């Protein structure tokens, strides 16, 4: 820590800094609280998406083995395009899933199994859910990182910057008070000596 100057100018500088810290701290604390809420919300949405995937897999379980008897089924679930958007959450730019588009090959319903249409719909839903979860995890990670940085800044202000400025102000005030006391004492001593000299001169 740099040695603080014990001057009136430095005292003013430290007081101004302390006022800035106190003014900025509530804004940072508010942002921290918002980010905490958004991280919890992101976790909730991600959990709900995982539950939807689990429920879908349960519904698919009775007939999913049929897919192995029709290897061509995968060709009907080809992702053609995935749209992403950017959204701002608590001051953080995060990705959002816009849409998942699939290729639309022609289906010959006379030469394909009766269950193929339902299988295509389920597999596309599963693919979309998994893409959604990837994006949600990215959202959560970005928000969590911003929360970590913001929490560090709050701690820095609360436990370092404000404490240091208050300490510096105390040190400077004590030093200035001591200097003023010493100056008064010197002035009194000088006045006393002057008075003694005058008294001696008058007596002579």
N, C-alpha and C. Protein backbone atom coordinates (compact mmCIF):
# COMPACT_ATOMS: atom_id res chain seq x y z
N UNK A 1 0.83 -1.19 0.00
CA UNK A 1 0.00 0.00 0.00
C UNK A 1 0.88 1.25 0.00
N UNK A 2 0.60 2.17 -0.93
CA UNK A 2 1.39 3.40 -1.01
C UNK A 2 1.17 4.24 0.24
N UNK A 3 2.23 4.90 0.67
CA UNK A 3 2.14 5.74 1.85
C UNK A 3 1.30 6.97 1.52
N UNK A 4 0.30 7.24 2.36
CA UNK A 4 -0.60 8.35 2.10
C UNK A 4 0.02 9.67 2.56
N UNK A 5 -0.20 10.71 1.76
CA UNK A 5 0.29 12.03 2.13
C UNK A 5 -0.60 12.62 3.22
N UNK A 6 0.00 13.22 4.20
CA UNK A 6 -0.76 13.77 5.33
C UNK A 6 -0.95 15.28 5.13
N UNK A 7 -1.71 15.60 4.08
CA UNK A 7 -1.95 17.00 3.75
C UNK A 7 -3.45 17.25 3.61
N UNK A 8 -3.84 18.52 3.65
CA UNK A 8 -5.25 18.86 3.50
C UNK A 8 -5.75 18.49 2.11
N UNK A 9 -4.89 18.65 1.11
CA UNK A 9 -5.27 18.26 -0.24
C UNK A 9 -5.55 16.77 -0.35
N UNK A 10 -4.72 15.96 0.29
CA UNK A 10 -4.92 14.50 0.27
C UNK A 10 -6.17 14.13 1.06
N UNK A 11 -6.43 14.85 2.14
CA UNK A 11 -7.64 14.60 2.93
C UNK A 11 -8.88 14.81 2.06
N UNK A 12 -8.88 15.89 1.29
CA UNK A 12 -10.01 16.16 0.38
C UNK A 12 -10.13 15.06 -0.66
N UNK A 13 -9.01 14.63 -1.21
CA UNK A 13 -9.01 13.56 -2.22
C UNK A 13 -9.60 12.27 -1.65
N UNK A 14 -9.19 11.90 -0.45
CA UNK A 14 -9.69 10.67 0.19
C UNK A 14 -11.17 10.78 0.51
N UNK A 15 -11.62 11.95 0.96
CA UNK A 15 -13.05 12.13 1.25
C UNK A 15 -13.89 12.05 -0.01
N UNK A 16 -13.40 12.65 -1.09
CA UNK A 16 -14.11 12.56 -2.37
C UNK A 16 -14.19 11.11 -2.85
N UNK A 17 -13.08 10.38 -2.70
CA UNK A 17 -13.06 8.96 -3.10
C UNK A 17 -14.06 8.16 -2.27
N UNK A 18 -14.10 8.42 -0.98
CA UNK A 18 -15.01 7.70 -0.10
C UNK A 18 -16.47 7.96 -0.50
N UNK A 19 -16.78 9.22 -0.85
CA UNK A 19 -18.14 9.54 -1.29
C UNK A 19 -18.49 8.79 -2.58
N UNK A 20 -17.51 8.72 -3.49
CA UNK A 20 -17.75 7.98 -4.74
C UNK A 20 -18.00 6.50 -4.47
N UNK A 21 -17.22 5.92 -3.59
CA UNK A 21 -17.39 4.50 -3.26
C UNK A 21 -18.77 4.24 -2.67
N UNK A 22 -19.19 5.10 -1.74
CA UNK A 22 -20.50 4.92 -1.10
C UNK A 22 -21.64 5.14 -2.10
N UNK A 23 -21.41 6.00 -3.07
CA UNK A 23 -22.43 6.25 -4.08
C UNK A 23 -22.53 5.09 -5.07
N UNK A 24 -21.40 4.48 -5.39
CA UNK A 24 -21.35 3.40 -6.37
C UNK A 24 -21.75 2.05 -5.79
N UNK A 25 -21.50 1.86 -4.49
CA UNK A 25 -21.74 0.56 -3.86
C UNK A 25 -23.19 0.09 -3.98
N UNK A 26 -24.22 0.93 -3.70
CA UNK A 26 -25.61 0.45 -3.83
C UNK A 26 -25.94 -0.03 -5.24
N UNK A 27 -25.39 0.64 -6.26
CA UNK A 27 -25.64 0.22 -7.64
C UNK A 27 -25.07 -1.18 -7.89
N UNK A 28 -23.85 -1.39 -7.40
CA UNK A 28 -23.23 -2.71 -7.56
C UNK A 28 -23.99 -3.78 -6.79
N UNK A 29 -24.43 -3.45 -5.58
CA UNK A 29 -25.18 -4.42 -4.77
C UNK A 29 -26.49 -4.77 -5.44
N UNK A 30 -27.14 -3.77 -6.04
CA UNK A 30 -28.39 -4.03 -6.76
C UNK A 30 -28.15 -4.95 -7.95
N UNK A 31 -27.07 -4.68 -8.68
CA UNK A 31 -26.74 -5.55 -9.82
C UNK A 31 -26.45 -6.97 -9.36
N UNK A 32 -25.76 -7.10 -8.25
CA UNK A 32 -25.45 -8.42 -7.70
C UNK A 32 -26.74 -9.17 -7.37
N UNK A 33 -27.69 -8.48 -6.74
CA UNK A 33 -28.96 -9.12 -6.40
C UNK A 33 -29.73 -9.53 -7.65
N UNK A 34 -29.74 -8.65 -8.67
CA UNK A 34 -30.42 -8.98 -9.93
C UNK A 34 -29.80 -10.22 -10.58
N UNK A 35 -28.47 -10.26 -10.59
CA UNK A 35 -27.78 -11.40 -11.19
C UNK A 35 -28.05 -12.68 -10.42
N UNK A 36 -28.10 -12.59 -9.09
CA UNK A 36 -28.41 -13.77 -8.29
C UNK A 36 -29.79 -14.31 -8.65
N UNK A 37 -30.77 -13.40 -8.82
CA UNK A 37 -32.12 -13.83 -9.20
C UNK A 37 -32.11 -14.46 -10.59
N UNK A 38 -31.37 -13.85 -11.52
CA UNK A 38 -31.35 -14.36 -12.89
C UNK A 38 -30.65 -15.71 -12.98
N UNK A 39 -29.60 -15.91 -12.20
CA UNK A 39 -28.92 -17.21 -12.19
C UNK A 39 -29.86 -18.29 -11.65
N UNK A 40 -30.58 -17.96 -10.56
CA UNK A 40 -31.56 -18.92 -10.02
C UNK A 40 -32.65 -19.21 -11.05
N UNK A 41 -33.10 -18.16 -11.74
CA UNK A 41 -34.14 -18.33 -12.77
C UNK A 41 -33.63 -19.21 -13.92
N UNK A 42 -32.39 -18.96 -14.34
CA UNK A 42 -31.79 -19.77 -15.42
C UNK A 42 -31.68 -21.23 -14.99
N UNK A 43 -31.31 -21.46 -13.74
CA UNK A 43 -31.22 -22.84 -13.23
C UNK A 43 -32.60 -23.51 -13.26
N UNK A 44 -33.63 -22.74 -12.89
CA UNK A 44 -34.99 -23.29 -12.88
C UNK A 44 -35.45 -23.66 -14.29
N UNK A 45 -35.22 -22.76 -15.24
CA UNK A 45 -35.62 -23.03 -16.63
C UNK A 45 -34.85 -24.22 -17.19
N UNK A 46 -33.57 -24.29 -16.88
CA UNK A 46 -32.74 -25.41 -17.36
C UNK A 46 -33.25 -26.72 -16.77
N UNK A 47 -33.61 -26.70 -15.49
CA UNK A 47 -34.15 -27.90 -14.84
C UNK A 47 -35.46 -28.32 -15.49
N UNK A 48 -36.32 -27.34 -15.80
CA UNK A 48 -37.60 -27.65 -16.44
C UNK A 48 -37.39 -28.25 -17.82
N UNK A 49 -36.41 -27.72 -18.56
CA UNK A 49 -36.11 -28.27 -19.89
C UNK A 49 -35.61 -29.71 -19.78
N UNK A 50 -34.79 -29.97 -18.77
CA UNK A 50 -34.28 -31.34 -18.55
C UNK A 50 -35.43 -32.29 -18.20
N UNK A 51 -36.39 -31.78 -17.43
CA UNK A 51 -37.55 -32.61 -17.07
C UNK A 51 -38.42 -32.89 -18.29
N UNK A 52 -38.55 -31.91 -19.19
CA UNK A 52 -39.33 -32.14 -20.42
C UNK A 52 -38.64 -33.19 -21.28
N UNK A 53 -37.30 -33.13 -21.33
CA UNK A 53 -36.57 -34.15 -22.10
C UNK A 53 -36.77 -35.53 -21.49
N UNK A 54 -36.70 -35.60 -20.18
CA UNK A 54 -36.88 -36.88 -19.50
C UNK A 54 -38.27 -37.45 -19.75
N UNK A 55 -39.29 -36.58 -19.70
CA UNK A 55 -40.66 -37.03 -19.95
C UNK A 55 -40.82 -37.50 -21.40
N UNK A 56 -40.18 -36.80 -22.33
CA UNK A 56 -40.25 -37.19 -23.73
C UNK A 56 -39.59 -38.55 -23.94
N UNK A 57 -38.44 -38.75 -23.31
CA UNK A 57 -37.75 -40.04 -23.45
C UNK A 57 -38.59 -41.18 -22.87
N UNK A 58 -39.31 -40.89 -21.79
CA UNK A 58 -40.20 -41.90 -21.21
C UNK A 58 -41.30 -42.27 -22.20
N UNK A 59 -41.84 -41.26 -22.89
CA UNK A 59 -42.90 -41.54 -23.87
C UNK A 59 -42.36 -42.31 -25.07
N UNK A 60 -41.10 -42.07 -25.40
CA UNK A 60 -40.50 -42.73 -26.56
C UNK A 60 -40.05 -44.16 -26.26
N UNK A 61 -39.83 -44.44 -24.98
CA UNK A 61 -39.21 -45.72 -24.61
C UNK A 61 -39.95 -46.94 -25.17
N UNK A 62 -41.29 -46.99 -25.16
CA UNK A 62 -41.96 -48.21 -25.64
C UNK A 62 -41.69 -48.53 -27.11
N UNK A 63 -41.44 -47.53 -27.94
CA UNK A 63 -41.27 -47.81 -29.37
C UNK A 63 -39.90 -47.41 -29.93
N UNK A 64 -39.00 -46.87 -29.05
CA UNK A 64 -37.74 -46.36 -29.57
C UNK A 64 -36.90 -47.46 -30.23
N UNK A 65 -37.08 -48.70 -29.79
CA UNK A 65 -36.30 -49.79 -30.39
C UNK A 65 -36.70 -50.03 -31.85
N UNK A 66 -37.89 -49.56 -32.22
CA UNK A 66 -38.32 -49.71 -33.61
C UNK A 66 -37.41 -48.95 -34.57
N UNK A 67 -36.76 -47.88 -34.02
CA UNK A 67 -35.89 -47.07 -34.87
C UNK A 67 -34.73 -47.88 -35.44
N UNK A 68 -34.27 -48.84 -34.63
CA UNK A 68 -33.15 -49.66 -35.11
C UNK A 68 -33.54 -50.53 -36.29
N UNK A 69 -34.83 -50.76 -36.42
CA UNK A 69 -35.29 -51.58 -37.55
C UNK A 69 -35.52 -50.73 -38.79
N UNK A 70 -35.35 -49.42 -38.65
CA UNK A 70 -35.53 -48.52 -39.78
C UNK A 70 -34.41 -47.48 -39.75
N UNK A 71 -33.20 -47.86 -40.18
CA UNK A 71 -32.03 -46.97 -40.12
C UNK A 71 -32.24 -45.64 -40.84
N UNK A 72 -33.12 -45.65 -41.86
CA UNK A 72 -33.34 -44.42 -42.63
C UNK A 72 -34.07 -43.34 -41.84
N UNK A 73 -34.57 -43.69 -40.66
CA UNK A 73 -35.36 -42.72 -39.87
C UNK A 73 -34.56 -41.45 -39.58
N UNK A 74 -33.24 -41.62 -39.37
CA UNK A 74 -32.42 -40.46 -39.04
C UNK A 74 -32.37 -39.43 -40.14
N UNK A 75 -32.55 -39.85 -41.37
CA UNK A 75 -32.50 -38.91 -42.50
C UNK A 75 -33.67 -37.95 -42.49
N UNK A 76 -34.70 -38.25 -41.72
CA UNK A 76 -35.86 -37.37 -41.62
C UNK A 76 -35.73 -36.37 -40.47
N UNK A 77 -34.61 -36.43 -39.75
CA UNK A 77 -34.40 -35.51 -38.62
C UNK A 77 -33.06 -34.80 -38.81
N UNK A 78 -32.87 -34.22 -39.98
CA UNK A 78 -31.65 -33.49 -40.27
C UNK A 78 -31.86 -32.00 -39.98
N UNK A 79 -31.00 -31.46 -39.10
CA UNK A 79 -31.10 -30.03 -38.78
C UNK A 79 -30.58 -29.22 -39.96
N UNK A 80 -31.40 -28.32 -40.43
CA UNK A 80 -31.05 -27.48 -41.58
C UNK A 80 -30.47 -26.14 -41.13
N UNK A 81 -31.02 -25.61 -40.05
CA UNK A 81 -30.55 -24.31 -39.57
C UNK A 81 -30.97 -24.11 -38.12
N UNK A 82 -30.12 -23.43 -37.37
CA UNK A 82 -30.45 -23.06 -35.99
C UNK A 82 -30.30 -21.55 -35.86
N UNK A 83 -31.35 -20.88 -35.46
CA UNK A 83 -31.32 -19.43 -35.29
C UNK A 83 -31.03 -19.08 -33.84
N UNK A 84 -30.10 -18.16 -33.68
CA UNK A 84 -29.78 -17.66 -32.35
C UNK A 84 -30.07 -16.17 -32.28
N UNK A 85 -30.46 -15.72 -31.13
CA UNK A 85 -30.68 -14.31 -30.89
C UNK A 85 -29.83 -13.89 -29.70
N UNK A 86 -29.64 -12.58 -29.56
CA UNK A 86 -28.94 -12.05 -28.39
C UNK A 86 -29.93 -11.25 -27.56
N UNK A 87 -29.95 -11.53 -26.28
CA UNK A 87 -30.83 -10.80 -25.37
C UNK A 87 -30.01 -10.24 -24.21
N UNK A 88 -30.53 -9.19 -23.62
CA UNK A 88 -29.85 -8.56 -22.50
C UNK A 88 -30.56 -8.92 -21.21
N UNK A 89 -29.84 -9.57 -20.31
CA UNK A 89 -30.39 -9.95 -19.02
C UNK A 89 -29.52 -9.35 -17.93
N UNK A 90 -30.09 -8.43 -17.16
CA UNK A 90 -29.36 -7.77 -16.07
C UNK A 90 -28.04 -7.17 -16.55
N UNK A 91 -28.08 -6.60 -17.76
CA UNK A 91 -26.88 -5.96 -18.29
C UNK A 91 -25.89 -6.91 -18.95
N UNK A 92 -26.26 -8.18 -19.07
CA UNK A 92 -25.37 -9.18 -19.68
C UNK A 92 -25.97 -9.65 -21.00
N UNK A 93 -25.20 -9.58 -22.07
CA UNK A 93 -25.67 -10.07 -23.37
C UNK A 93 -25.47 -11.58 -23.43
N UNK A 94 -26.58 -12.29 -23.60
CA UNK A 94 -26.53 -13.76 -23.62
C UNK A 94 -27.25 -14.27 -24.86
N UNK A 95 -26.90 -15.48 -25.31
CA UNK A 95 -27.59 -16.05 -26.47
C UNK A 95 -28.96 -16.59 -26.09
N UNK A 96 -29.84 -16.59 -27.07
CA UNK A 96 -31.17 -17.17 -26.89
C UNK A 96 -31.49 -17.98 -28.14
N UNK A 97 -32.15 -19.11 -27.94
CA UNK A 97 -32.47 -19.97 -29.08
C UNK A 97 -33.68 -19.40 -29.81
N UNK A 98 -33.49 -19.09 -31.09
CA UNK A 98 -34.61 -18.56 -31.87
C UNK A 98 -35.46 -19.70 -32.42
N UNK A 99 -34.89 -20.49 -33.31
CA UNK A 99 -35.65 -21.59 -33.90
C UNK A 99 -34.69 -22.65 -34.43
N UNK A 100 -35.16 -23.89 -34.40
CA UNK A 100 -34.41 -25.01 -34.99
C UNK A 100 -35.20 -25.46 -36.20
N UNK A 101 -34.58 -25.36 -37.38
CA UNK A 101 -35.27 -25.74 -38.61
C UNK A 101 -34.70 -27.06 -39.13
N UNK A 102 -35.63 -27.92 -39.53
CA UNK A 102 -35.24 -29.24 -40.03
C UNK A 102 -35.51 -29.33 -41.53
N UNK A 103 -34.69 -30.13 -42.18
CA UNK A 103 -34.93 -30.42 -43.60
C UNK A 103 -36.26 -31.14 -43.73
N UNK A 104 -36.94 -30.92 -44.83
CA UNK A 104 -38.27 -31.52 -45.03
C UNK A 104 -38.26 -32.46 -46.24
N UNK A 105 -37.64 -33.63 -46.06
CA UNK A 105 -37.63 -34.58 -47.19
C UNK A 105 -39.03 -35.15 -47.43
N UNK A 106 -39.28 -35.50 -48.62
CA UNK A 106 -40.58 -36.10 -48.96
C UNK A 106 -40.70 -37.47 -48.29
N UNK A 107 -41.87 -37.76 -47.78
CA UNK A 107 -42.10 -39.04 -47.09
C UNK A 107 -43.12 -39.85 -47.90
N UNK A 108 -42.74 -41.04 -48.25
CA UNK A 108 -43.65 -41.95 -48.95
C UNK A 108 -44.33 -42.80 -47.88
N UNK A 109 -45.53 -42.41 -47.52
CA UNK A 109 -46.22 -43.08 -46.43
C UNK A 109 -46.65 -44.51 -46.78
N UNK A 110 -46.59 -44.87 -48.05
CA UNK A 110 -46.96 -46.23 -48.44
C UNK A 110 -45.82 -47.21 -48.22
N UNK A 111 -44.55 -46.66 -48.25
CA UNK A 111 -43.40 -47.56 -48.12
C UNK A 111 -42.65 -47.38 -46.80
N UNK A 112 -43.20 -46.57 -45.90
CA UNK A 112 -42.56 -46.34 -44.60
C UNK A 112 -43.47 -46.85 -43.48
N UNK A 113 -42.89 -47.17 -42.33
CA UNK A 113 -43.69 -47.68 -41.21
C UNK A 113 -44.74 -46.67 -40.75
N UNK A 114 -45.82 -47.17 -40.19
CA UNK A 114 -46.91 -46.31 -39.75
C UNK A 114 -46.50 -45.38 -38.61
N UNK A 115 -45.50 -45.84 -37.85
CA UNK A 115 -45.09 -45.05 -36.67
C UNK A 115 -44.06 -43.97 -37.02
N UNK A 116 -43.64 -43.90 -38.27
CA UNK A 116 -42.56 -42.99 -38.63
C UNK A 116 -42.91 -41.52 -38.37
N UNK A 117 -44.12 -41.11 -38.67
CA UNK A 117 -44.49 -39.70 -38.49
C UNK A 117 -44.37 -39.29 -37.03
N UNK A 118 -44.87 -40.14 -36.13
CA UNK A 118 -44.77 -39.84 -34.70
C UNK A 118 -43.30 -39.84 -34.25
N UNK A 119 -42.52 -40.75 -34.80
CA UNK A 119 -41.11 -40.83 -34.44
C UNK A 119 -40.37 -39.57 -34.89
N UNK A 120 -40.67 -39.10 -36.09
CA UNK A 120 -40.03 -37.86 -36.58
C UNK A 120 -40.35 -36.69 -35.66
N UNK A 121 -41.62 -36.57 -35.30
CA UNK A 121 -42.04 -35.46 -34.43
C UNK A 121 -41.33 -35.54 -33.08
N UNK A 122 -41.23 -36.74 -32.51
CA UNK A 122 -40.59 -36.91 -31.21
C UNK A 122 -39.09 -36.62 -31.28
N UNK A 123 -38.44 -37.13 -32.33
CA UNK A 123 -37.00 -36.91 -32.47
C UNK A 123 -36.67 -35.44 -32.71
N UNK A 124 -37.52 -34.76 -33.47
CA UNK A 124 -37.30 -33.33 -33.68
C UNK A 124 -37.50 -32.55 -32.37
N UNK A 125 -38.50 -32.95 -31.62
CA UNK A 125 -38.73 -32.30 -30.32
C UNK A 125 -37.53 -32.54 -29.40
N UNK A 126 -37.01 -33.76 -29.41
CA UNK A 126 -35.85 -34.09 -28.59
C UNK A 126 -34.63 -33.27 -29.00
N UNK A 127 -34.41 -33.16 -30.31
CA UNK A 127 -33.27 -32.38 -30.81
C UNK A 127 -33.40 -30.92 -30.40
N UNK A 128 -34.60 -30.38 -30.52
CA UNK A 128 -34.84 -28.97 -30.15
C UNK A 128 -34.62 -28.77 -28.66
N UNK A 129 -35.09 -29.71 -27.85
CA UNK A 129 -34.92 -29.60 -26.40
C UNK A 129 -33.44 -29.61 -26.01
N UNK A 130 -32.67 -30.44 -26.67
CA UNK A 130 -31.24 -30.53 -26.36
C UNK A 130 -30.50 -29.26 -26.81
N UNK A 131 -30.90 -28.70 -27.95
CA UNK A 131 -30.32 -27.43 -28.40
C UNK A 131 -30.68 -26.32 -27.41
N UNK A 132 -31.92 -26.34 -26.95
CA UNK A 132 -32.38 -25.34 -25.98
C UNK A 132 -31.56 -25.42 -24.69
N UNK A 133 -31.29 -26.64 -24.24
CA UNK A 133 -30.53 -26.80 -23.00
C UNK A 133 -29.08 -26.33 -23.15
N UNK A 134 -28.50 -26.56 -24.32
CA UNK A 134 -27.13 -26.06 -24.56
C UNK A 134 -27.08 -24.54 -24.45
N UNK A 135 -28.09 -23.88 -25.04
CA UNK A 135 -28.14 -22.42 -25.00
C UNK A 135 -28.42 -21.94 -23.57
N UNK A 136 -29.31 -22.62 -22.88
CA UNK A 136 -29.63 -22.24 -21.50
C UNK A 136 -28.41 -22.38 -20.58
N UNK A 137 -27.62 -23.43 -20.81
CA UNK A 137 -26.40 -23.60 -20.01
C UNK A 137 -25.43 -22.46 -20.28
N UNK A 138 -25.34 -22.06 -21.54
CA UNK A 138 -24.47 -20.93 -21.89
C UNK A 138 -24.96 -19.65 -21.21
N UNK A 139 -26.27 -19.44 -21.24
CA UNK A 139 -26.85 -18.28 -20.55
C UNK A 139 -26.47 -18.30 -19.07
N UNK A 140 -26.72 -19.44 -18.44
CA UNK A 140 -26.44 -19.58 -17.01
C UNK A 140 -24.97 -19.34 -16.71
N UNK A 141 -24.09 -19.88 -17.54
CA UNK A 141 -22.66 -19.72 -17.31
C UNK A 141 -22.22 -18.25 -17.42
N UNK A 142 -22.75 -17.55 -18.43
CA UNK A 142 -22.40 -16.14 -18.61
C UNK A 142 -22.92 -15.29 -17.45
N UNK A 143 -24.14 -15.57 -17.01
CA UNK A 143 -24.71 -14.84 -15.88
C UNK A 143 -23.94 -15.14 -14.59
N UNK A 144 -23.56 -16.39 -14.41
CA UNK A 144 -22.82 -16.78 -13.22
C UNK A 144 -21.44 -16.12 -13.19
N UNK A 145 -20.81 -16.01 -14.36
CA UNK A 145 -19.50 -15.36 -14.44
C UNK A 145 -19.62 -13.87 -14.11
N UNK A 146 -20.66 -13.23 -14.65
CA UNK A 146 -20.87 -11.81 -14.35
C UNK A 146 -21.19 -11.61 -12.87
N UNK A 147 -21.93 -12.55 -12.29
CA UNK A 147 -22.23 -12.50 -10.86
C UNK A 147 -20.93 -12.61 -10.05
N UNK A 148 -20.05 -13.51 -10.46
CA UNK A 148 -18.78 -13.68 -9.75
C UNK A 148 -17.96 -12.39 -9.78
N UNK A 149 -17.87 -11.77 -10.96
CA UNK A 149 -17.10 -10.54 -11.10
C UNK A 149 -17.73 -9.41 -10.29
N UNK A 150 -19.06 -9.32 -10.34
CA UNK A 150 -19.75 -8.26 -9.61
C UNK A 150 -19.59 -8.44 -8.11
N UNK A 151 -19.68 -9.69 -7.64
CA UNK A 151 -19.49 -9.96 -6.21
C UNK A 151 -18.08 -9.59 -5.77
N UNK A 152 -17.09 -9.84 -6.64
CA UNK A 152 -15.72 -9.45 -6.33
C UNK A 152 -15.61 -7.93 -6.20
N UNK A 153 -16.29 -7.21 -7.08
CA UNK A 153 -16.25 -5.75 -7.04
C UNK A 153 -16.92 -5.21 -5.78
N UNK A 154 -18.02 -5.83 -5.39
CA UNK A 154 -18.70 -5.42 -4.16
C UNK A 154 -17.78 -5.63 -2.96
N UNK A 155 -17.15 -6.80 -2.91
CA UNK A 155 -16.22 -7.09 -1.81
C UNK A 155 -15.04 -6.15 -1.81
N UNK A 156 -14.53 -5.83 -3.01
CA UNK A 156 -13.40 -4.90 -3.11
C UNK A 156 -13.77 -3.53 -2.56
N UNK A 157 -14.96 -3.06 -2.92
CA UNK A 157 -15.39 -1.75 -2.42
C UNK A 157 -15.62 -1.79 -0.91
N UNK A 158 -16.37 -2.80 -0.47
CA UNK A 158 -16.76 -2.87 0.95
C UNK A 158 -15.56 -3.12 1.87
N UNK A 159 -14.74 -4.09 1.49
CA UNK A 159 -13.72 -4.58 2.42
C UNK A 159 -12.32 -4.01 2.18
N UNK A 160 -12.14 -3.34 1.04
CA UNK A 160 -10.81 -2.81 0.74
C UNK A 160 -10.85 -1.30 0.54
N UNK A 161 -11.55 -0.87 -0.53
CA UNK A 161 -11.51 0.54 -0.90
C UNK A 161 -12.10 1.46 0.16
N UNK A 162 -13.29 1.11 0.65
CA UNK A 162 -13.94 1.96 1.66
C UNK A 162 -13.16 1.92 2.96
N UNK A 163 -12.74 0.73 3.37
CA UNK A 163 -11.98 0.59 4.62
C UNK A 163 -10.66 1.36 4.52
N UNK A 164 -10.00 1.26 3.38
CA UNK A 164 -8.72 1.95 3.20
C UNK A 164 -8.92 3.47 3.23
N UNK A 165 -9.95 3.96 2.52
CA UNK A 165 -10.19 5.40 2.50
C UNK A 165 -10.52 5.92 3.89
N UNK A 166 -11.35 5.18 4.64
CA UNK A 166 -11.70 5.60 6.01
C UNK A 166 -10.45 5.62 6.90
N UNK A 167 -9.60 4.61 6.71
CA UNK A 167 -8.35 4.56 7.49
C UNK A 167 -7.45 5.73 7.13
N UNK A 168 -7.31 6.00 5.85
CA UNK A 168 -6.47 7.11 5.41
C UNK A 168 -6.97 8.44 5.95
N UNK A 169 -8.30 8.61 5.94
CA UNK A 169 -8.88 9.86 6.45
C UNK A 169 -8.57 10.02 7.93
N UNK A 170 -8.69 8.93 8.69
CA UNK A 170 -8.37 9.00 10.13
C UNK A 170 -6.91 9.37 10.35
N UNK A 171 -6.02 8.70 9.58
CA UNK A 171 -4.58 8.96 9.73
C UNK A 171 -4.25 10.41 9.39
N UNK A 172 -4.82 10.91 8.29
CA UNK A 172 -4.53 12.29 7.88
C UNK A 172 -5.09 13.29 8.89
N UNK A 173 -6.30 13.03 9.37
CA UNK A 173 -6.90 13.96 10.35
C UNK A 173 -6.08 14.00 11.64
N UNK A 174 -5.63 12.83 12.08
CA UNK A 174 -4.80 12.79 13.29
C UNK A 174 -3.49 13.54 13.05
N UNK A 175 -2.87 13.29 11.88
CA UNK A 175 -1.61 13.96 11.56
C UNK A 175 -1.80 15.47 11.48
N UNK A 176 -2.87 15.90 10.81
CA UNK A 176 -3.14 17.34 10.70
C UNK A 176 -3.45 17.95 12.06
N UNK A 177 -4.18 17.19 12.89
CA UNK A 177 -4.48 17.67 14.24
C UNK A 177 -3.22 17.80 15.08
N UNK A 178 -2.34 16.81 14.96
CA UNK A 178 -1.06 16.86 15.69
C UNK A 178 -0.23 18.04 15.21
N UNK A 179 -0.22 18.25 13.88
CA UNK A 179 0.56 19.36 13.32
C UNK A 179 0.01 20.70 13.79
N UNK A 180 -1.33 20.77 13.86
CA UNK A 180 -1.94 22.02 14.32
C UNK A 180 -1.63 22.27 15.79
N UNK A 181 -1.70 21.20 16.59
CA UNK A 181 -1.38 21.32 18.01
C UNK A 181 0.07 21.75 18.20
N UNK A 182 0.95 21.14 17.42
CA UNK A 182 2.37 21.50 17.51
C UNK A 182 2.59 22.94 17.08
N UNK A 183 1.87 23.39 16.05
CA UNK A 183 2.01 24.77 15.58
C UNK A 183 1.54 25.75 16.64
N UNK A 184 0.42 25.42 17.30
CA UNK A 184 -0.09 26.28 18.37
C UNK A 184 0.92 26.34 19.52
N UNK A 185 1.47 25.17 19.84
CA UNK A 185 2.45 25.13 20.94
C UNK A 185 3.68 25.96 20.58
N UNK A 186 4.13 25.86 19.33
CA UNK A 186 5.29 26.65 18.90
C UNK A 186 4.98 28.14 18.93
N UNK A 187 3.76 28.47 18.52
CA UNK A 187 3.37 29.88 18.52
C UNK A 187 3.34 30.43 19.94
N UNK A 188 2.81 29.62 20.86
CA UNK A 188 2.77 30.05 22.27
C UNK A 188 4.17 30.19 22.83
N UNK A 189 5.03 29.24 22.49
CA UNK A 189 6.40 29.30 22.98
C UNK A 189 7.12 30.52 22.42
N UNK A 190 6.91 30.80 21.14
CA UNK A 190 7.52 31.97 20.52
C UNK A 190 7.00 33.25 21.15
N UNK A 191 5.69 33.26 21.41
CA UNK A 191 5.08 34.44 22.03
C UNK A 191 5.63 34.65 23.44
N UNK A 192 5.80 33.51 24.14
CA UNK A 192 6.33 33.59 25.52
C UNK A 192 7.77 34.11 25.51
N UNK A 193 8.56 33.62 24.54
CA UNK A 193 9.95 34.08 24.45
C UNK A 193 10.02 35.57 24.09
N UNK A 194 9.13 35.96 23.17
CA UNK A 194 9.10 37.37 22.78
C UNK A 194 8.73 38.26 23.96
N UNK A 195 7.74 37.76 24.74
CA UNK A 195 7.32 38.52 25.91
C UNK A 195 8.45 38.62 26.93
N UNK A 196 9.18 37.52 27.08
CA UNK A 196 10.30 37.51 28.04
C UNK A 196 11.38 38.46 27.60
N UNK A 197 11.66 38.49 26.29
CA UNK A 197 12.68 39.40 25.77
C UNK A 197 12.29 40.84 25.97
N UNK A 198 11.01 41.12 25.70
CA UNK A 198 10.54 42.49 25.88
C UNK A 198 10.61 42.89 27.36
N UNK A 199 10.26 41.93 28.22
CA UNK A 199 10.27 42.22 29.66
C UNK A 199 11.71 42.50 30.12
N UNK A 200 12.65 41.73 29.59
CA UNK A 200 14.06 41.92 29.97
C UNK A 200 14.56 43.27 29.45
N UNK A 201 14.15 43.63 28.23
CA UNK A 201 14.58 44.90 27.64
C UNK A 201 14.02 46.07 28.43
N UNK A 202 12.78 45.96 28.84
CA UNK A 202 12.12 47.04 29.59
C UNK A 202 12.79 47.21 30.96
N UNK A 203 13.15 46.07 31.56
CA UNK A 203 13.78 46.13 32.91
C UNK A 203 15.14 46.78 32.84
N UNK A 204 15.83 46.58 31.74
CA UNK A 204 17.14 47.18 31.58
C UNK A 204 17.00 48.68 31.41
